[in-house]
Protein backbone atom coordinates (compact mmCIF):
# COMPACT_ATOMS: atom_id res chain seq x y z
CA MET A 1 0.00 0.00 0.00
CA PRO A 2 1.57 3.31 -1.04
CA ILE A 3 1.82 6.02 1.61
CA GLY A 4 -0.94 8.55 1.20
CA ASP A 5 0.30 11.38 3.41
CA ALA A 6 2.45 13.66 1.23
CA ARG A 7 4.51 14.97 4.19
CA VAL A 8 5.46 11.43 5.11
CA ARG A 9 5.99 10.31 1.53
CA ASP A 10 8.36 13.24 0.91
CA HIS A 11 10.22 13.00 4.24
CA ALA A 12 13.92 12.12 4.03
CA PHE A 13 13.98 9.34 6.62
CA LEU A 14 17.35 8.78 8.34
CA ALA A 15 18.91 11.58 6.29
CA GLY A 16 21.68 12.13 8.83
CA LEU A 17 22.73 8.49 8.62
CA TYR A 18 22.88 8.63 4.83
CA ARG A 19 25.15 11.69 5.07
CA ASP A 20 27.54 9.96 7.47
CA GLY A 21 29.89 7.44 5.87
CA TYR A 22 30.02 5.43 9.10
CA TYR A 23 26.56 4.06 8.31
CA PRO A 24 26.48 1.91 5.16
CA ASP A 25 23.65 2.97 2.85
CA HIS A 26 22.50 -0.59 2.24
CA VAL A 27 21.91 -1.06 5.98
CA VAL A 28 20.35 2.39 6.42
CA ASP A 29 18.01 1.42 3.56
CA LEU A 30 16.76 -1.44 5.76
CA GLY A 31 16.01 1.00 8.58
CA ARG A 32 14.26 3.38 6.20
CA ALA A 33 12.12 0.45 5.03
CA VAL A 34 11.13 -0.25 8.66
CA LEU A 35 9.92 3.34 9.03
CA LEU A 36 8.03 3.25 5.74
CA ARG A 37 6.31 0.00 6.74
CA LEU A 38 5.37 1.65 10.03
CA CYS A 39 3.75 4.51 8.11
CA GLU A 40 1.90 2.07 5.88
CA ARG A 41 0.60 0.20 8.93
CA ILE A 42 -0.53 3.43 10.59
CA GLU A 43 -2.42 4.44 7.45
CA ALA A 44 -3.96 0.99 7.06
CA GLU A 45 -4.85 0.35 10.71
CA ARG A 46 -5.56 3.95 11.77
CA PRO A 47 -4.71 3.61 15.47
CA ALA A 48 -7.39 5.28 17.55
CA ASP A 49 -5.20 6.26 20.48
CA LEU A 50 -1.66 6.34 21.78
CA THR A 51 -1.87 2.78 23.09
CA ALA A 52 -2.64 1.52 19.60
CA LEU A 53 0.08 3.71 18.09
CA TYR A 54 2.64 2.48 20.62
CA ALA A 55 1.83 -1.12 19.70
CA LEU A 56 2.77 -0.32 16.09
CA THR A 57 5.89 1.68 16.96
CA HIS A 58 7.06 -1.01 19.38
CA ALA A 59 6.84 -3.61 16.60
CA ALA A 60 8.89 -1.32 14.35
CA THR A 61 11.41 -0.77 17.16
CA GLU A 62 11.83 -4.54 17.44
CA GLU A 63 12.66 -4.56 13.72
CA PHE A 64 15.38 -1.98 14.39
CA ASN A 65 16.67 -4.16 17.22
CA ALA A 66 17.06 -6.97 14.71
CA LEU A 67 19.06 -4.67 12.40
CA GLU A 68 21.86 -4.25 14.93
CA SER A 69 23.60 -7.36 13.58
CA ALA A 70 23.40 -6.00 10.02
CA PHE A 71 25.03 -2.77 11.16
CA GLU A 72 27.74 -4.70 12.99
CA ALA A 73 28.39 -6.97 10.00
CA ALA A 74 28.93 -3.83 7.92
CA GLY A 75 31.42 -2.40 10.43
CA SER A 76 28.97 0.00 12.04
CA GLU A 77 26.54 0.06 14.95
CA ILE A 78 23.45 1.81 16.21
CA GLU A 79 25.17 4.26 18.55
CA THR A 80 24.36 7.75 19.83
CA VAL A 81 24.03 9.53 16.48
CA ALA A 82 21.95 6.72 15.00
CA ARG A 83 19.78 6.44 18.11
CA GLU A 84 18.94 10.13 17.96
CA GLU A 85 18.22 10.05 14.23
CA ILE A 86 15.98 6.99 14.52
CA ALA A 87 14.12 8.40 17.54
CA GLU A 88 13.58 11.72 15.73
CA ASP A 89 12.01 9.92 12.78
CA PHE A 90 9.71 7.91 15.03
CA TRP A 91 8.60 11.18 16.60
CA PHE A 92 8.13 12.74 13.13
CA VAL A 93 5.87 9.84 12.18
CA ALA A 94 3.78 10.17 15.34
CA ARG A 95 3.28 13.90 14.81
CA ALA A 96 2.58 13.50 11.09
CA TYR A 97 -0.31 11.19 11.90
CA GLY A 98 -1.80 13.45 14.54
CA PHE A 99 -0.20 12.08 17.70
CA GLU A 100 1.50 15.30 18.82
CA ASP A 101 1.31 14.21 22.46
CA ALA A 102 3.22 10.96 21.87
CA ASP A 103 6.20 10.44 24.13
CA VAL A 104 9.31 9.79 22.05
CA GLU A 105 10.78 7.44 24.66
CA GLU A 106 7.57 5.42 24.75
CA LEU A 107 7.48 5.26 20.95
CA ILE A 108 10.75 3.31 21.01
CA ALA A 109 10.46 1.76 24.49
CA PRO A 110 11.60 -1.78 23.56
CA ARG A 111 14.81 -0.52 21.92
CA GLU A 112 18.05 -2.35 22.60
CA TRP A 113 20.23 0.34 21.06
C-alpha cells in the first residue's frame, strides 16, 4: 500500500545516517524500510489512540533491534548519532499522523540500542 500522506511520503527518513559514511547505505536502507512499513501500517490500521500507536511503533522498534547485527556486519553500529536520528524519525511519524502528544521514549520503548 503506497503512503498517502504527502509529508510522510516526501520525508527524508534517516537523512543524517545517509550523510555519514560510518553508516552503510544498504543497511540504512533497511532502517528506512522499517519506518516506511510503520507509516503504511498506521495508514492501514488507523490507530485510535496512543496505546494503539505504541503497539505499532514497538513492533517497528523490534525490527530496528534486529538490524543491529546487520550494522555490525557492515562495520557500524546503532550508537548515539543513529539512536537520535531513529528516535527523531519515530517522533516525526507520530506527529505526522496526529499524535503530537506521543512520548518519544515510549514510541521506542523496547529498543536495545
